Amino acid sequence: MNALKRRATALETEFVHKQELAFRAEARRNALMGMWAASILGDTNAEGYAENLAKAGVDGDEAVLTQLRRDFSRAGILIMDNELNDKMVAMLRQATAALNAA
C-alpha cells in the first residue's frame, strides 16, 4: 500500500507541475500578445500594455481576445479573429518552449 501512496503522490505532484507550467505559459503568451499588439497599435508603453493584457488573461482566453478586439477596433485597425487565434497559438508555443528550456 505504501508504494501505491507514493505513486499517487507522484502523479499528483506531476499534475500540479503541469498545471503551473500551463498557467505560466498562458501568462507569458498573453504578455507576448500584448507586446505584439502594442507594436501594431503604436502604444509607447508596450510593457504596460502587455502587463494589463496578461492580467486580463486571468479571466480566460476570451477576455484577452475581447480586450484585443476592443483596442484594435478603437484604433481603427481591422484584425480578423482567425489572425488573433493563430497568433495566440504561435505565442503559446513560443512561451511553452521558453519555459521548457529554462
N, C-alpha and C. Protein backbone atom coordinates (compact mmCIF):
# COMPACT_ATOMS: atom_id res chain seq x y z
N MET A 1 0.82 -1.19 0.00
CA MET A 1 0.00 0.00 0.00
C MET A 1 0.86 1.26 0.00
N ASN A 2 2.02 1.19 0.62
CA ASN A 2 2.92 2.33 0.68
C ASN A 2 3.39 2.74 -0.72
N ALA A 3 3.68 1.75 -1.56
CA ALA A 3 4.11 2.03 -2.93
C ALA A 3 2.98 2.69 -3.72
N LEU A 4 1.77 2.27 -3.46
CA LEU A 4 0.62 2.85 -4.14
C LEU A 4 0.43 4.32 -3.74
N LYS A 5 0.62 4.62 -2.46
CA LYS A 5 0.53 6.00 -1.99
C LYS A 5 1.62 6.87 -2.60
N ARG A 6 2.84 6.32 -2.69
CA ARG A 6 3.94 7.07 -3.30
C ARG A 6 3.64 7.37 -4.76
N ARG A 7 3.09 6.40 -5.46
CA ARG A 7 2.74 6.59 -6.87
C ARG A 7 1.64 7.64 -7.02
N ALA A 8 0.65 7.60 -6.16
CA ALA A 8 -0.43 8.58 -6.20
C ALA A 8 0.11 9.98 -5.92
N THR A 9 1.00 10.09 -4.95
CA THR A 9 1.61 11.38 -4.63
C THR A 9 2.45 11.89 -5.80
N ALA A 10 3.18 11.00 -6.44
CA ALA A 10 3.99 11.39 -7.61
C ALA A 10 3.11 11.87 -8.75
N LEU A 11 2.00 11.21 -8.98
CA LEU A 11 1.08 11.63 -10.03
C LEU A 11 0.44 12.98 -9.70
N GLU A 12 0.09 13.18 -8.46
CA GLU A 12 -0.49 14.46 -8.05
C GLU A 12 0.53 15.57 -8.22
N THR A 13 1.75 15.32 -7.83
CA THR A 13 2.82 16.31 -7.97
C THR A 13 3.05 16.65 -9.44
N GLU A 14 3.05 15.64 -10.29
CA GLU A 14 3.23 15.86 -11.72
C GLU A 14 2.07 16.68 -12.29
N PHE A 15 0.87 16.37 -11.87
CA PHE A 15 -0.29 17.12 -12.32
C PHE A 15 -0.19 18.59 -11.93
N VAL A 16 0.16 18.85 -10.68
CA VAL A 16 0.30 20.22 -10.20
C VAL A 16 1.37 20.96 -10.99
N HIS A 17 2.48 20.29 -11.25
CA HIS A 17 3.57 20.90 -12.02
C HIS A 17 3.10 21.27 -13.43
N LYS A 18 2.38 20.37 -14.07
CA LYS A 18 1.88 20.65 -15.42
C LYS A 18 0.88 21.80 -15.42
N GLN A 19 0.03 21.87 -14.40
CA GLN A 19 -0.93 22.96 -14.31
C GLN A 19 -0.22 24.30 -14.09
N GLU A 20 0.79 24.31 -13.25
CA GLU A 20 1.56 25.53 -13.01
C GLU A 20 2.28 25.97 -14.28
N LEU A 21 2.86 25.01 -15.00
CA LEU A 21 3.55 25.32 -16.25
C LEU A 21 2.56 25.88 -17.27
N ALA A 22 1.39 25.30 -17.37
CA ALA A 22 0.37 25.79 -18.30
C ALA A 22 -0.06 27.21 -17.94
N PHE A 23 -0.24 27.48 -16.66
CA PHE A 23 -0.62 28.82 -16.22
C PHE A 23 0.46 29.83 -16.57
N ARG A 24 1.71 29.49 -16.28
CA ARG A 24 2.82 30.40 -16.58
C ARG A 24 2.97 30.60 -18.08
N ALA A 25 2.78 29.54 -18.86
CA ALA A 25 2.88 29.66 -20.32
C ALA A 25 1.78 30.57 -20.86
N GLU A 26 0.57 30.43 -20.34
CA GLU A 26 -0.53 31.28 -20.80
C GLU A 26 -0.29 32.74 -20.40
N ALA A 27 0.22 32.97 -19.20
CA ALA A 27 0.52 34.34 -18.77
C ALA A 27 1.61 34.94 -19.66
N ARG A 28 2.62 34.15 -19.96
CA ARG A 28 3.69 34.62 -20.83
C ARG A 28 3.15 34.87 -22.25
N ARG A 29 2.30 33.98 -22.73
CA ARG A 29 1.69 34.16 -24.04
C ARG A 29 0.91 35.46 -24.09
N ASN A 30 0.15 35.75 -23.05
CA ASN A 30 -0.64 36.97 -23.02
C ASN A 30 0.26 38.21 -23.01
N ALA A 31 1.37 38.13 -22.31
CA ALA A 31 2.32 39.25 -22.31
C ALA A 31 2.92 39.42 -23.71
N LEU A 32 3.28 38.32 -24.36
CA LEU A 32 3.80 38.40 -25.72
C LEU A 32 2.76 38.97 -26.68
N MET A 33 1.52 38.55 -26.52
CA MET A 33 0.44 39.10 -27.33
C MET A 33 0.32 40.61 -27.09
N GLY A 34 0.49 41.01 -25.86
CA GLY A 34 0.42 42.43 -25.53
C GLY A 34 1.53 43.23 -26.19
N MET A 35 2.74 42.68 -26.20
CA MET A 35 3.86 43.35 -26.85
C MET A 35 3.61 43.46 -28.35
N TRP A 36 3.09 42.38 -28.94
CA TRP A 36 2.78 42.37 -30.37
C TRP A 36 1.70 43.39 -30.69
N ALA A 37 0.63 43.37 -29.92
CA ALA A 37 -0.48 44.29 -30.15
C ALA A 37 -0.05 45.74 -29.94
N ALA A 38 0.74 45.99 -28.93
CA ALA A 38 1.21 47.35 -28.66
C ALA A 38 2.01 47.89 -29.84
N SER A 39 2.80 47.02 -30.46
CA SER A 39 3.59 47.48 -31.61
C SER A 39 2.68 47.85 -32.78
N ILE A 40 1.60 47.11 -32.96
CA ILE A 40 0.65 47.42 -34.03
C ILE A 40 -0.16 48.68 -33.70
N LEU A 41 -0.53 48.81 -32.44
CA LEU A 41 -1.33 49.95 -32.01
C LEU A 41 -0.52 51.23 -31.88
N GLY A 42 0.80 51.10 -31.88
CA GLY A 42 1.66 52.27 -31.70
C GLY A 42 1.72 52.73 -30.27
N ASP A 43 1.44 51.84 -29.34
CA ASP A 43 1.46 52.17 -27.91
C ASP A 43 2.91 52.30 -27.46
N THR A 44 3.26 53.46 -26.91
CA THR A 44 4.64 53.68 -26.48
C THR A 44 4.97 52.98 -25.17
N ASN A 45 3.95 52.58 -24.43
CA ASN A 45 4.16 51.84 -23.18
C ASN A 45 3.80 50.37 -23.42
N ALA A 46 4.59 49.71 -24.25
CA ALA A 46 4.29 48.33 -24.63
C ALA A 46 4.32 47.40 -23.43
N GLU A 47 5.26 47.61 -22.52
CA GLU A 47 5.34 46.73 -21.34
C GLU A 47 4.12 46.88 -20.45
N GLY A 48 3.64 48.10 -20.30
CA GLY A 48 2.44 48.33 -19.50
C GLY A 48 1.22 47.70 -20.15
N TYR A 49 1.12 47.84 -21.47
CA TYR A 49 0.00 47.23 -22.20
C TYR A 49 0.05 45.72 -22.06
N ALA A 50 1.26 45.15 -22.22
CA ALA A 50 1.43 43.70 -22.11
C ALA A 50 1.06 43.21 -20.71
N GLU A 51 1.44 43.96 -19.70
CA GLU A 51 1.10 43.59 -18.32
C GLU A 51 -0.40 43.60 -18.10
N ASN A 52 -1.07 44.63 -18.63
CA ASN A 52 -2.53 44.70 -18.49
C ASN A 52 -3.22 43.56 -19.21
N LEU A 53 -2.70 43.20 -20.38
CA LEU A 53 -3.30 42.10 -21.13
C LEU A 53 -3.08 40.77 -20.40
N ALA A 54 -1.90 40.61 -19.81
CA ALA A 54 -1.62 39.39 -19.05
C ALA A 54 -2.57 39.29 -17.85
N LYS A 55 -2.86 40.41 -17.22
CA LYS A 55 -3.80 40.41 -16.09
C LYS A 55 -5.20 40.05 -16.57
N ALA A 56 -5.57 40.55 -17.74
CA ALA A 56 -6.90 40.22 -18.29
C ALA A 56 -7.00 38.72 -18.55
N GLY A 57 -5.89 38.09 -18.85
CA GLY A 57 -5.86 36.66 -19.14
C GLY A 57 -6.24 35.79 -17.97
N VAL A 58 -6.23 36.33 -16.77
CA VAL A 58 -6.64 35.56 -15.59
C VAL A 58 -8.10 35.14 -15.74
N ASP A 59 -8.87 35.96 -16.46
CA ASP A 59 -10.28 35.64 -16.68
C ASP A 59 -10.50 34.73 -17.87
N GLY A 60 -9.42 34.30 -18.52
CA GLY A 60 -9.53 33.35 -19.62
C GLY A 60 -9.14 33.95 -20.96
N ASP A 61 -9.01 33.06 -21.93
CA ASP A 61 -8.59 33.46 -23.27
C ASP A 61 -9.58 34.43 -23.91
N GLU A 62 -10.86 34.23 -23.64
CA GLU A 62 -11.86 35.11 -24.25
C GLU A 62 -11.71 36.54 -23.78
N ALA A 63 -11.29 36.73 -22.53
CA ALA A 63 -11.06 38.08 -22.01
C ALA A 63 -9.92 38.76 -22.75
N VAL A 64 -8.88 38.00 -23.07
CA VAL A 64 -7.75 38.53 -23.83
C VAL A 64 -8.21 38.92 -25.23
N LEU A 65 -8.94 38.03 -25.87
CA LEU A 65 -9.43 38.31 -27.22
C LEU A 65 -10.37 39.51 -27.24
N THR A 66 -11.23 39.61 -26.24
CA THR A 66 -12.16 40.73 -26.16
C THR A 66 -11.40 42.04 -26.02
N GLN A 67 -10.39 42.05 -25.16
CA GLN A 67 -9.58 43.26 -24.96
C GLN A 67 -8.86 43.64 -26.25
N LEU A 68 -8.27 42.65 -26.92
CA LEU A 68 -7.56 42.93 -28.17
C LEU A 68 -8.52 43.46 -29.24
N ARG A 69 -9.66 42.81 -29.38
CA ARG A 69 -10.65 43.26 -30.37
C ARG A 69 -11.07 44.71 -30.10
N ARG A 70 -11.33 45.00 -28.85
CA ARG A 70 -11.78 46.34 -28.47
C ARG A 70 -10.70 47.38 -28.78
N ASP A 71 -9.45 47.06 -28.41
CA ASP A 71 -8.37 48.02 -28.63
C ASP A 71 -8.08 48.22 -30.12
N PHE A 72 -8.09 47.15 -30.89
CA PHE A 72 -7.87 47.29 -32.33
C PHE A 72 -9.02 48.06 -32.97
N SER A 73 -10.23 47.79 -32.54
CA SER A 73 -11.40 48.47 -33.09
C SER A 73 -11.33 49.97 -32.79
N ARG A 74 -10.98 50.32 -31.57
CA ARG A 74 -10.85 51.74 -31.19
C ARG A 74 -9.79 52.45 -32.02
N ALA A 75 -8.74 51.72 -32.38
CA ALA A 75 -7.65 52.30 -33.17
C ALA A 75 -7.96 52.28 -34.66
N GLY A 76 -9.09 51.68 -35.03
CA GLY A 76 -9.46 51.60 -36.43
C GLY A 76 -8.64 50.59 -37.22
N ILE A 77 -8.13 49.58 -36.51
CA ILE A 77 -7.31 48.55 -37.14
C ILE A 77 -8.14 47.28 -37.26
N LEU A 78 -8.23 46.77 -38.48
CA LEU A 78 -9.01 45.56 -38.72
C LEU A 78 -8.10 44.34 -38.62
N ILE A 79 -8.35 43.52 -37.63
CA ILE A 79 -7.64 42.25 -37.48
C ILE A 79 -8.70 41.18 -37.29
N MET A 80 -8.65 40.18 -38.13
CA MET A 80 -9.64 39.11 -38.10
C MET A 80 -9.40 38.19 -36.90
N ASP A 81 -10.48 37.56 -36.43
CA ASP A 81 -10.39 36.65 -35.30
C ASP A 81 -9.44 35.49 -35.57
N ASN A 82 -9.46 34.97 -36.79
CA ASN A 82 -8.56 33.85 -37.07
C ASN A 82 -7.10 34.27 -36.98
N GLU A 83 -6.78 35.51 -37.33
CA GLU A 83 -5.41 36.00 -37.18
C GLU A 83 -5.03 36.10 -35.70
N LEU A 84 -5.95 36.59 -34.89
CA LEU A 84 -5.69 36.67 -33.45
C LEU A 84 -5.51 35.27 -32.85
N ASN A 85 -6.38 34.35 -33.24
CA ASN A 85 -6.27 32.98 -32.73
C ASN A 85 -4.96 32.33 -33.16
N ASP A 86 -4.59 32.50 -34.43
CA ASP A 86 -3.32 31.94 -34.92
C ASP A 86 -2.14 32.53 -34.17
N LYS A 87 -2.19 33.83 -33.91
CA LYS A 87 -1.11 34.49 -33.18
C LYS A 87 -1.04 33.98 -31.75
N MET A 88 -2.21 33.75 -31.13
CA MET A 88 -2.22 33.24 -29.76
C MET A 88 -1.62 31.84 -29.69
N VAL A 89 -1.92 31.01 -30.68
CA VAL A 89 -1.37 29.65 -30.71
C VAL A 89 0.15 29.71 -30.88
N ALA A 90 0.61 30.55 -31.80
CA ALA A 90 2.05 30.68 -32.04
C ALA A 90 2.77 31.21 -30.79
N MET A 91 2.16 32.19 -30.13
CA MET A 91 2.78 32.76 -28.93
C MET A 91 2.77 31.76 -27.77
N LEU A 92 1.73 30.93 -27.69
CA LEU A 92 1.70 29.91 -26.64
C LEU A 92 2.81 28.89 -26.87
N ARG A 93 3.01 28.50 -28.11
CA ARG A 93 4.12 27.59 -28.43
C ARG A 93 5.46 28.20 -28.03
N GLN A 94 5.63 29.46 -28.37
CA GLN A 94 6.87 30.16 -28.05
C GLN A 94 7.08 30.23 -26.54
N ALA A 95 6.03 30.59 -25.82
CA ALA A 95 6.12 30.71 -24.37
C ALA A 95 6.40 29.35 -23.71
N THR A 96 5.74 28.31 -24.19
CA THR A 96 5.95 26.96 -23.64
C THR A 96 7.37 26.50 -23.91
N ALA A 97 7.87 26.74 -25.10
CA ALA A 97 9.24 26.33 -25.44
C ALA A 97 10.24 27.06 -24.55
N ALA A 98 10.01 28.34 -24.31
CA ALA A 98 10.91 29.12 -23.45
C ALA A 98 10.90 28.60 -22.02
N LEU A 99 9.72 28.26 -21.51
CA LEU A 99 9.63 27.74 -20.15
C LEU A 99 10.26 26.36 -20.03
N ASN A 100 10.09 25.54 -21.05
CA ASN A 100 10.69 24.20 -21.03
C ASN A 100 12.19 24.25 -21.13
N ALA A 101 12.71 25.28 -21.82
CA ALA A 101 14.16 25.43 -21.99
C ALA A 101 14.82 25.94 -20.71
N ALA A 102 14.03 26.63 -19.89
CA ALA A 102 14.59 27.23 -18.66
C ALA A 102 14.82 26.21 -17.58
